[in-house]
Structure formats: C-alpha cells, structure tokens
Amino acid sequence: MEAKTFFIYLLVMALVTYAIRVIPYVCMRKEVKNKFFKSFLGYIPYTVLASMTFPVILDATSTPITAVAGFVIAVIVAYFEKGLLQVALWACSAVLIMELILKYLF
C-alpha cells in the first residue's frame, strides 16, 4: 500500500471516530431527563461488550461444544453473584473437563 493511500485511510478513520464522539455533544446540549432514555444509554456499553465478546468465546476452544459448556457454567456461577475470579475459574474448569472428556472418550 502506498503511503498516500495509507494516510487517506488514516484520516478518514480518524474523522469518523472523532465524529462519532462529537455528534452526541452537539445534538444534546441539555441533560437527559427521560428515565427510559437514560437507562437505555446506560445499557449500551454492556451490549457492545457482549456483542464483541460472545463470538470470541465460541472460537476460543477447539470445539464450540466446550466453549458453550464454559459459557453456560460462567452464566450459572455469575447468576449466583460470585466474584469475577470464581466465574473465570469455574468456566475454565468446565472447558478443561469437557476438552478432556471429548479427547479421551470420543
């Protein structure tokens, strides 16, 4: 790729990134008072994080079956309000056990 093309792409990318961050400030000068809209905006970071994380979870192991097992165990442990370390340890243990079962039994 030529340097000129690279810098054009870089400039466009920077402008788009900057525009995404500036547009909300320009459009919304007053504080948001609608409770529904505030709660909607509050959930956006969690939604974005989940949409980026879930596909990676399915590709992180040798088979999707073991990844789903780890994910299900993580959701169950998190549901019972355990800490992040416990959730991660339980999920990793579930994946390890499932990998061993699939390797030696099937």
N, C-alpha and C. Protein backbone atom coordinates (compact mmCIF):
# COMPACT_ATOMS: atom_id res chain seq x y z
N MET A 1 0.84 -1.17 0.00
CA MET A 1 0.00 0.00 0.00
C MET A 1 0.89 1.24 0.00
N GLU A 2 0.53 2.16 -0.81
CA GLU A 2 1.29 3.40 -0.90
C GLU A 2 1.06 4.25 0.34
N ALA A 3 2.03 5.09 0.63
CA ALA A 3 1.93 5.96 1.81
C ALA A 3 0.76 6.93 1.69
N LYS A 4 0.53 7.45 0.47
CA LYS A 4 -0.56 8.40 0.25
C LYS A 4 -1.91 7.75 0.57
N THR A 5 -2.12 6.55 0.07
CA THR A 5 -3.37 5.82 0.31
C THR A 5 -3.53 5.53 1.80
N PHE A 6 -2.45 5.13 2.43
CA PHE A 6 -2.49 4.83 3.86
C PHE A 6 -2.93 6.05 4.66
N PHE A 7 -2.36 7.21 4.37
CA PHE A 7 -2.70 8.41 5.13
C PHE A 7 -4.11 8.89 4.85
N ILE A 8 -4.61 8.67 3.64
CA ILE A 8 -6.01 9.00 3.35
C ILE A 8 -6.92 8.11 4.19
N TYR A 9 -6.64 6.82 4.21
CA TYR A 9 -7.43 5.90 5.04
C TYR A 9 -7.35 6.28 6.51
N LEU A 10 -6.17 6.63 6.96
CA LEU A 10 -5.98 7.01 8.36
C LEU A 10 -6.77 8.27 8.69
N LEU A 11 -6.76 9.24 7.80
CA LEU A 11 -7.50 10.48 8.02
C LEU A 11 -9.01 10.22 8.07
N VAL A 12 -9.51 9.42 7.14
CA VAL A 12 -10.95 9.10 7.14
C VAL A 12 -11.33 8.38 8.43
N MET A 13 -10.51 7.43 8.84
CA MET A 13 -10.78 6.69 10.06
C MET A 13 -10.79 7.63 11.27
N ALA A 14 -9.84 8.54 11.34
CA ALA A 14 -9.78 9.49 12.46
C ALA A 14 -11.00 10.41 12.47
N LEU A 15 -11.40 10.88 11.30
CA LEU A 15 -12.57 11.76 11.22
C LEU A 15 -13.85 11.04 11.64
N VAL A 16 -14.02 9.82 11.20
CA VAL A 16 -15.21 9.05 11.58
C VAL A 16 -15.22 8.80 13.08
N THR A 17 -14.09 8.43 13.64
CA THR A 17 -14.00 8.19 15.08
C THR A 17 -14.30 9.47 15.85
N TYR A 18 -13.75 10.57 15.42
CA TYR A 18 -13.97 11.85 16.09
C TYR A 18 -15.43 12.27 15.96
N ALA A 19 -16.02 12.09 14.78
CA ALA A 19 -17.42 12.48 14.55
C ALA A 19 -18.36 11.70 15.46
N ILE A 20 -18.09 10.41 15.63
CA ILE A 20 -18.94 9.59 16.49
C ILE A 20 -18.91 10.10 17.93
N ARG A 21 -17.80 10.63 18.35
CA ARG A 21 -17.69 11.13 19.73
C ARG A 21 -18.22 12.56 19.88
N VAL A 22 -18.20 13.34 18.83
CA VAL A 22 -18.61 14.74 18.92
C VAL A 22 -20.11 14.93 18.67
N ILE A 23 -20.69 14.14 17.81
CA ILE A 23 -22.11 14.31 17.45
C ILE A 23 -23.03 14.30 18.66
N PRO A 24 -22.88 13.38 19.62
CA PRO A 24 -23.77 13.45 20.79
C PRO A 24 -23.66 14.76 21.58
N TYR A 25 -22.47 15.32 21.68
CA TYR A 25 -22.31 16.59 22.39
C TYR A 25 -22.97 17.74 21.64
N VAL A 26 -22.92 17.70 20.33
CA VAL A 26 -23.51 18.77 19.53
C VAL A 26 -25.03 18.67 19.56
N CYS A 27 -25.55 17.46 19.47
CA CYS A 27 -27.00 17.26 19.40
C CYS A 27 -27.69 17.40 20.76
N MET A 28 -27.01 17.06 21.82
CA MET A 28 -27.64 17.04 23.14
C MET A 28 -26.92 18.01 24.07
N ARG A 29 -27.35 19.22 24.08
CA ARG A 29 -26.71 20.23 24.93
C ARG A 29 -27.27 20.19 26.36
N LYS A 30 -28.53 19.79 26.50
CA LYS A 30 -29.15 19.74 27.82
C LYS A 30 -28.99 18.34 28.41
N GLU A 31 -29.16 18.26 29.73
CA GLU A 31 -29.09 16.97 30.41
C GLU A 31 -30.31 16.13 30.04
N VAL A 32 -30.09 14.83 29.86
CA VAL A 32 -31.17 13.91 29.53
C VAL A 32 -31.95 13.64 30.81
N LYS A 33 -33.27 13.89 30.78
CA LYS A 33 -34.09 13.70 31.97
C LYS A 33 -35.05 12.53 31.84
N ASN A 34 -35.22 12.01 30.66
CA ASN A 34 -36.11 10.88 30.45
C ASN A 34 -35.49 9.62 31.06
N LYS A 35 -36.19 8.99 32.00
CA LYS A 35 -35.63 7.82 32.70
C LYS A 35 -35.42 6.65 31.75
N PHE A 36 -36.35 6.44 30.82
CA PHE A 36 -36.22 5.34 29.87
C PHE A 36 -34.98 5.53 29.00
N PHE A 37 -34.81 6.73 28.48
CA PHE A 37 -33.66 7.01 27.61
C PHE A 37 -32.35 6.91 28.37
N LYS A 38 -32.34 7.37 29.63
CA LYS A 38 -31.14 7.27 30.46
C LYS A 38 -30.77 5.80 30.70
N SER A 39 -31.78 4.98 31.00
CA SER A 39 -31.49 3.56 31.23
C SER A 39 -31.03 2.90 29.93
N PHE A 40 -31.62 3.31 28.81
CA PHE A 40 -31.20 2.78 27.51
C PHE A 40 -29.73 3.10 27.26
N LEU A 41 -29.34 4.33 27.50
CA LEU A 41 -27.94 4.73 27.32
C LEU A 41 -27.02 4.02 28.30
N GLY A 42 -27.53 3.70 29.47
CA GLY A 42 -26.73 3.00 30.46
C GLY A 42 -26.40 1.58 30.07
N TYR A 43 -27.28 0.93 29.29
CA TYR A 43 -27.06 -0.45 28.89
C TYR A 43 -26.20 -0.60 27.63
N ILE A 44 -25.97 0.46 26.92
CA ILE A 44 -25.21 0.38 25.66
C ILE A 44 -23.81 -0.21 25.85
N PRO A 45 -23.03 0.22 26.85
CA PRO A 45 -21.69 -0.39 26.99
C PRO A 45 -21.73 -1.90 27.21
N TYR A 46 -22.70 -2.38 28.00
CA TYR A 46 -22.81 -3.82 28.24
C TYR A 46 -23.18 -4.56 26.96
N THR A 47 -24.06 -3.96 26.18
CA THR A 47 -24.48 -4.59 24.93
C THR A 47 -23.32 -4.68 23.95
N VAL A 48 -22.57 -3.62 23.83
CA VAL A 48 -21.42 -3.62 22.92
C VAL A 48 -20.38 -4.63 23.37
N LEU A 49 -20.10 -4.67 24.66
CA LEU A 49 -19.13 -5.63 25.18
C LEU A 49 -19.58 -7.06 24.94
N ALA A 50 -20.85 -7.34 25.17
CA ALA A 50 -21.36 -8.69 24.94
C ALA A 50 -21.31 -9.07 23.46
N SER A 51 -21.65 -8.13 22.59
CA SER A 51 -21.65 -8.44 21.16
C SER A 51 -20.24 -8.66 20.63
N MET A 52 -19.24 -8.07 21.27
CA MET A 52 -17.86 -8.31 20.84
C MET A 52 -17.27 -9.56 21.49
N THR A 53 -17.73 -9.90 22.69
CA THR A 53 -17.14 -11.00 23.44
C THR A 53 -17.71 -12.35 23.04
N PHE A 54 -19.01 -12.46 22.84
CA PHE A 54 -19.64 -13.76 22.62
C PHE A 54 -19.08 -14.52 21.42
N PRO A 55 -18.90 -13.90 20.25
CA PRO A 55 -18.32 -14.66 19.13
C PRO A 55 -16.92 -15.18 19.42
N VAL A 56 -16.14 -14.43 20.19
CA VAL A 56 -14.79 -14.86 20.53
C VAL A 56 -14.83 -16.06 21.47
N ILE A 57 -15.82 -16.09 22.35
CA ILE A 57 -15.97 -17.22 23.27
C ILE A 57 -16.14 -18.51 22.47
N LEU A 58 -16.94 -18.47 21.43
CA LEU A 58 -17.21 -19.68 20.64
C LEU A 58 -15.99 -20.15 19.85
N ASP A 59 -15.07 -19.25 19.55
CA ASP A 59 -13.87 -19.62 18.79
C ASP A 59 -12.65 -19.86 19.66
N ALA A 60 -12.78 -19.73 20.97
CA ALA A 60 -11.62 -19.78 21.86
C ALA A 60 -11.14 -21.20 22.13
N THR A 61 -11.97 -22.20 21.91
CA THR A 61 -11.59 -23.58 22.21
C THR A 61 -11.54 -24.38 20.92
N SER A 62 -11.15 -25.65 21.07
CA SER A 62 -11.02 -26.49 19.87
C SER A 62 -12.37 -26.83 19.25
N THR A 63 -13.41 -26.91 20.06
CA THR A 63 -14.75 -27.18 19.54
C THR A 63 -15.74 -26.23 20.18
N PRO A 64 -16.78 -25.85 19.47
CA PRO A 64 -17.79 -24.96 20.06
C PRO A 64 -18.54 -25.59 21.24
N ILE A 65 -18.60 -26.91 21.29
CA ILE A 65 -19.30 -27.58 22.39
C ILE A 65 -18.65 -27.24 23.73
N THR A 66 -17.33 -27.29 23.78
CA THR A 66 -16.64 -26.98 25.03
C THR A 66 -16.77 -25.49 25.38
N ALA A 67 -16.80 -24.65 24.36
CA ALA A 67 -16.96 -23.22 24.61
C ALA A 67 -18.35 -22.92 25.18
N VAL A 68 -19.36 -23.56 24.62
CA VAL A 68 -20.72 -23.37 25.13
C VAL A 68 -20.83 -23.89 26.56
N ALA A 69 -20.18 -25.01 26.86
CA ALA A 69 -20.20 -25.55 28.23
C ALA A 69 -19.57 -24.54 29.20
N GLY A 70 -18.45 -23.98 28.84
CA GLY A 70 -17.82 -22.98 29.69
C GLY A 70 -18.67 -21.74 29.85
N PHE A 71 -19.31 -21.32 28.77
CA PHE A 71 -20.18 -20.14 28.82
C PHE A 71 -21.38 -20.38 29.73
N VAL A 72 -22.00 -21.55 29.60
CA VAL A 72 -23.17 -21.87 30.43
C VAL A 72 -22.78 -21.91 31.90
N ILE A 73 -21.67 -22.54 32.21
CA ILE A 73 -21.21 -22.59 33.61
C ILE A 73 -20.91 -21.18 34.11
N ALA A 74 -20.30 -20.36 33.30
CA ALA A 74 -19.99 -18.98 33.70
C ALA A 74 -21.27 -18.20 33.99
N VAL A 75 -22.28 -18.37 33.15
CA VAL A 75 -23.56 -17.68 33.38
C VAL A 75 -24.21 -18.15 34.67
N ILE A 76 -24.18 -19.46 34.91
CA ILE A 76 -24.79 -20.01 36.13
C ILE A 76 -24.07 -19.50 37.37
N VAL A 77 -22.75 -19.54 37.36
CA VAL A 77 -21.99 -19.07 38.53
C VAL A 77 -22.18 -17.56 38.73
N ALA A 78 -22.21 -16.81 37.64
CA ALA A 78 -22.42 -15.36 37.75
C ALA A 78 -23.82 -15.04 38.25
N TYR A 79 -24.79 -15.88 37.89
CA TYR A 79 -26.16 -15.67 38.35
C TYR A 79 -26.24 -15.72 39.88
N PHE A 80 -25.43 -16.56 40.49
CA PHE A 80 -25.41 -16.67 41.94
C PHE A 80 -24.49 -15.63 42.59
N GLU A 81 -24.14 -14.60 41.83
CA GLU A 81 -23.40 -13.43 42.30
C GLU A 81 -22.04 -13.77 42.91
N LYS A 82 -21.33 -14.66 42.27
CA LYS A 82 -19.96 -14.96 42.70
C LYS A 82 -19.03 -13.92 42.07
N GLY A 83 -17.81 -13.86 42.54
CA GLY A 83 -16.85 -12.88 42.04
C GLY A 83 -16.33 -13.25 40.66
N LEU A 84 -15.68 -12.29 40.03
CA LEU A 84 -15.16 -12.49 38.68
C LEU A 84 -14.14 -13.62 38.62
N LEU A 85 -13.29 -13.71 39.63
CA LEU A 85 -12.28 -14.77 39.66
C LEU A 85 -12.94 -16.15 39.74
N GLN A 86 -13.95 -16.29 40.58
CA GLN A 86 -14.65 -17.57 40.69
C GLN A 86 -15.35 -17.93 39.39
N VAL A 87 -15.98 -16.96 38.76
CA VAL A 87 -16.66 -17.22 37.48
C VAL A 87 -15.65 -17.70 36.45
N ALA A 88 -14.51 -17.02 36.36
CA ALA A 88 -13.49 -17.40 35.38
C ALA A 88 -12.92 -18.78 35.68
N LEU A 89 -12.66 -19.08 36.95
CA LEU A 89 -12.12 -20.39 37.31
C LEU A 89 -13.11 -21.51 37.01
N TRP A 90 -14.37 -21.30 37.33
CA TRP A 90 -15.38 -22.32 37.03
C TRP A 90 -15.52 -22.53 35.51
N ALA A 91 -15.53 -21.45 34.75
CA ALA A 91 -15.67 -21.56 33.30
C ALA A 91 -14.46 -22.27 32.69
N CYS A 92 -13.27 -21.91 33.12
CA CYS A 92 -12.06 -22.56 32.61
C CYS A 92 -12.02 -24.03 33.00
N SER A 93 -12.46 -24.34 34.21
CA SER A 93 -12.50 -25.74 34.65
C SER A 93 -13.49 -26.54 33.81
N ALA A 94 -14.64 -25.94 33.53
CA ALA A 94 -15.63 -26.63 32.71
C ALA A 94 -15.09 -26.91 31.31
N VAL A 95 -14.41 -25.94 30.74
CA VAL A 95 -13.83 -26.14 29.41
C VAL A 95 -12.76 -27.22 29.44
N LEU A 96 -11.91 -27.20 30.45
CA LEU A 96 -10.86 -28.22 30.57
C LEU A 96 -11.46 -29.61 30.71
N ILE A 97 -12.45 -29.76 31.56
CA ILE A 97 -13.08 -31.07 31.76
C ILE A 97 -13.75 -31.54 30.47
N MET A 98 -14.46 -30.65 29.80
CA MET A 98 -15.11 -31.04 28.54
C MET A 98 -14.09 -31.40 27.46
N GLU A 99 -12.99 -30.66 27.40
CA GLU A 99 -11.94 -30.99 26.43
C GLU A 99 -11.36 -32.37 26.70
N LEU A 100 -11.12 -32.68 27.98
CA LEU A 100 -10.58 -34.00 28.34
C LEU A 100 -11.58 -35.10 28.03
N ILE A 101 -12.85 -34.86 28.32
CA ILE A 101 -13.88 -35.86 28.02
C ILE A 101 -13.94 -36.11 26.52
N LEU A 102 -13.96 -35.06 25.74
CA LEU A 102 -14.04 -35.24 24.29
C LEU A 102 -12.79 -35.89 23.72
N LYS A 103 -11.64 -35.60 24.32
CA LYS A 103 -10.39 -36.16 23.81
C LYS A 103 -10.27 -37.65 24.11
N TYR A 104 -10.63 -38.05 25.32
CA TYR A 104 -10.38 -39.43 25.74
C TYR A 104 -11.58 -40.36 25.60
N LEU A 105 -12.77 -39.84 25.52
CA LEU A 105 -13.94 -40.71 25.40
C LEU A 105 -14.50 -40.80 23.99
N PHE A 106 -14.24 -39.79 23.18
CA PHE A 106 -14.81 -39.82 21.82
C PHE A 106 -13.73 -39.81 20.80
